[in-house]
Amino acid sequence: MYLNEKNEAQESEFEGHTTEEAIKKAEKSMGLDRECMDIKVVCEEKMGLFGMRGAKLAKIKVTRK
């Protein structure tokens, strides 16, 4: 799933209300600890009106180390 036919690492994207939540989703989905992943934050979460969560989700790109 994470390597293509040429054994090159592929990136997977994950979203969450926070960056930490997105990382936890990646860990669960990939079956890896974060020490075994290269994590790139694409965008941080943004709070909505009055500090409400979810105006914009955090997004990360993950590749296996």
Protein backbone atom coordinates (compact mmCIF):
# COMPACT_ATOMS: atom_id res chain seq x y z
CA MET A 1 0.00 0.00 0.00
CA TYR A 2 2.82 2.41 0.76
CA LEU A 3 5.30 1.29 -1.89
CA ASN A 4 4.58 1.42 -5.59
CA GLU A 5 5.71 -1.18 -8.15
CA LYS A 6 9.20 0.35 -8.25
CA ASN A 7 9.52 0.14 -4.41
CA GLU A 8 9.35 3.92 -4.10
CA ALA A 9 7.71 5.30 -1.00
CA GLN A 10 4.33 6.91 -1.55
CA GLU A 11 2.79 9.63 0.54
CA SER A 12 -0.54 9.26 2.28
CA GLU A 13 -2.58 12.22 3.51
CA PHE A 14 -4.51 12.41 6.76
CA GLU A 15 -6.74 15.09 8.26
CA GLY A 16 -7.91 15.83 11.77
CA HIS A 17 -9.28 18.61 13.96
CA THR A 18 -5.69 19.02 15.22
CA THR A 19 -2.28 17.99 13.89
CA GLU A 20 -2.00 15.51 16.75
CA GLU A 21 -5.32 13.91 15.81
CA ALA A 22 -4.19 13.58 12.17
CA ILE A 23 -0.95 11.90 13.31
CA LYS A 24 -2.90 9.44 15.48
CA LYS A 25 -5.10 8.58 12.49
CA ALA A 26 -1.96 7.95 10.42
CA GLU A 27 -0.48 5.71 13.12
CA LYS A 28 -3.66 3.65 13.31
CA SER A 29 -4.16 3.43 9.55
CA MET A 30 -0.55 2.56 8.72
CA GLY A 31 0.03 0.38 11.79
CA LEU A 32 3.22 2.30 12.64
CA ASP A 33 4.55 4.41 15.50
CA ARG A 34 5.34 8.01 14.65
CA GLU A 35 9.07 7.26 14.99
CA CYS A 36 8.71 5.05 11.88
CA MET A 37 7.05 7.78 9.80
CA ASP A 38 8.21 10.94 8.08
CA ILE A 39 5.50 13.51 8.80
CA LYS A 40 5.07 16.73 6.84
CA VAL A 41 2.45 19.24 8.03
CA VAL A 42 0.62 20.56 4.97
CA CYS A 43 -1.62 22.95 6.90
CA GLU A 44 -2.39 23.64 10.55
CA GLU A 45 -5.93 23.58 11.87
CA LYS A 46 -7.81 26.88 12.04
CA MET A 47 -10.36 27.75 14.65
CA GLY A 48 -13.74 29.11 13.65
CA LEU A 49 -15.78 31.91 15.08
CA PHE A 50 -15.46 32.18 18.88
CA GLY A 51 -12.67 29.57 18.89
CA MET A 52 -14.88 26.71 17.71
CA ARG A 53 -13.05 23.73 16.23
CA GLY A 54 -13.26 22.66 12.66
CA ALA A 55 -13.18 25.82 10.57
CA LYS A 56 -10.27 24.20 8.73
CA LEU A 57 -8.85 20.76 9.46
CA ALA A 58 -5.16 20.06 9.93
CA LYS A 59 -3.62 18.07 7.07
CA ILE A 60 -0.43 16.02 7.07
CA LYS A 61 1.45 13.91 4.52
CA VAL A 62 3.10 10.75 5.78
CA THR A 63 5.69 8.38 4.29
CA ARG A 64 7.18 5.29 5.85
CA LYS A 65 10.83 5.77 6.93
